Amino acid sequence: MAEPDLPTLTGEQKRWAFAAAALFLLAIGFLGFALNAKVMVVFAVGWVALQIFGFSGALRMAKGDFASPLFKSQVMLHVVAVGLLVAVIIRAFK
């Protein structure tokens, strides 16, 4: 079978794709922690679902461009979610 002829990704596209993958892995890790500790399970499940539907929808609308403003906004949305999660954890230990 012949390999599909895919365009190579630019450096910017690779960085945004890596950021999205890192955030997704962080969400999966937090989901495992939440299920094990039985805390914030609804947030953890919702965050993973939001990432799946958000990233796939953004990529579909951007025609596969990881450096499109729509995909970048999805990544930044989840960076804000990480910030809120950190704020809740800090608040819980004060």
Protein backbone atom coordinates (compact mmCIF):
# COMPACT_ATOMS: atom_id res chain seq x y z
CA MET A 1 0.00 0.00 0.00
CA ALA A 2 1.19 3.47 -0.83
CA GLU A 3 1.60 6.01 1.95
CA PRO A 4 -0.71 9.03 1.65
CA ASP A 5 1.07 12.16 0.47
CA LEU A 6 0.54 14.46 3.44
CA PRO A 7 1.96 17.97 3.64
CA THR A 8 4.69 18.52 6.20
CA LEU A 9 3.77 20.56 9.25
CA THR A 10 5.38 23.92 9.92
CA GLY A 11 7.12 24.61 13.21
CA GLU A 12 4.17 26.67 14.44
CA GLN A 13 1.73 23.87 13.62
CA LYS A 14 3.90 21.36 15.45
CA ARG A 15 4.07 23.57 18.57
CA TRP A 16 0.29 24.05 18.73
CA ALA A 17 -0.32 20.33 18.11
CA PHE A 18 2.15 19.47 20.89
CA ALA A 19 0.43 21.91 23.26
CA ALA A 20 -2.95 20.33 22.51
CA ALA A 21 -1.57 16.82 23.01
CA ALA A 22 0.08 17.80 26.31
CA LEU A 23 -3.16 19.34 27.59
CA PHE A 24 -5.10 16.25 26.55
CA LEU A 25 -2.66 13.96 28.37
CA LEU A 26 -2.90 16.20 31.44
CA ALA A 27 -6.69 15.91 31.32
CA ILE A 28 -6.52 12.12 30.99
CA GLY A 29 -4.12 11.98 33.94
CA PHE A 30 -6.41 14.16 36.02
CA LEU A 31 -9.35 11.94 35.04
CA GLY A 32 -7.48 8.92 36.37
CA PHE A 33 -6.67 10.76 39.60
CA ALA A 34 -10.27 11.97 39.97
CA LEU A 35 -11.71 8.51 39.46
CA ASN A 36 -9.25 7.00 41.91
CA ALA A 37 -9.71 9.65 44.61
CA LYS A 38 -13.42 10.17 43.83
CA VAL A 39 -13.05 13.97 43.76
CA MET A 40 -14.07 16.35 40.96
CA VAL A 41 -15.13 13.44 38.74
CA VAL A 42 -17.74 15.47 36.88
CA PHE A 43 -15.18 18.17 36.03
CA ALA A 44 -12.62 15.60 34.91
CA VAL A 45 -15.04 13.74 32.63
CA GLY A 46 -16.44 16.99 31.24
CA TRP A 47 -12.97 18.40 30.59
CA VAL A 48 -11.92 15.34 28.57
CA ALA A 49 -15.20 15.39 26.61
CA LEU A 50 -14.82 19.12 25.96
CA GLN A 51 -11.33 18.54 24.62
CA ILE A 52 -12.37 15.69 22.35
CA PHE A 53 -15.28 17.58 20.80
CA GLY A 54 -13.51 20.96 20.84
CA PHE A 55 -10.25 19.88 19.24
CA SER A 56 -11.88 17.64 16.64
CA GLY A 57 -14.46 20.30 15.73
CA ALA A 58 -11.83 23.03 15.52
CA LEU A 59 -9.61 20.87 13.31
CA ARG A 60 -12.54 19.98 11.08
CA MET A 61 -13.53 23.63 10.64
CA ALA A 62 -9.89 24.71 10.16
CA LYS A 63 -9.36 21.97 7.54
CA GLY A 64 -6.58 20.34 9.54
CA ASP A 65 -4.53 23.49 10.20
CA PHE A 66 -3.12 23.30 13.73
CA ALA A 67 -2.03 26.95 13.54
CA SER A 68 -5.47 28.34 12.73
CA PRO A 69 -6.91 30.92 15.14
CA LEU A 70 -9.82 28.59 15.94
CA PHE A 71 -7.53 25.75 17.03
CA LYS A 72 -5.31 28.16 18.96
CA SER A 73 -8.35 29.45 20.84
CA GLN A 74 -9.28 25.88 21.78
CA VAL A 75 -5.78 25.34 23.18
CA MET A 76 -5.93 28.60 25.13
CA LEU A 77 -9.38 27.68 26.48
CA HIS A 78 -7.89 24.55 28.01
CA VAL A 79 -4.90 26.49 29.36
CA VAL A 80 -7.46 28.63 31.22
CA ALA A 81 -9.10 25.41 32.49
CA VAL A 82 -5.71 24.30 33.85
CA GLY A 83 -5.33 27.67 35.55
CA LEU A 84 -8.76 27.34 37.16
CA LEU A 85 -7.97 23.81 38.29
CA VAL A 86 -4.71 24.97 39.87
CA ALA A 87 -6.57 27.83 41.58
CA VAL A 88 -9.11 25.39 43.04
CA ILE A 89 -6.37 23.09 44.29
CA ILE A 90 -4.44 25.98 45.87
CA ARG A 91 -7.65 27.25 47.50
CA ALA A 92 -8.39 23.76 48.87
CA PHE A 93 -5.05 23.59 50.69
CA LYS A 94 -5.26 27.05 52.28
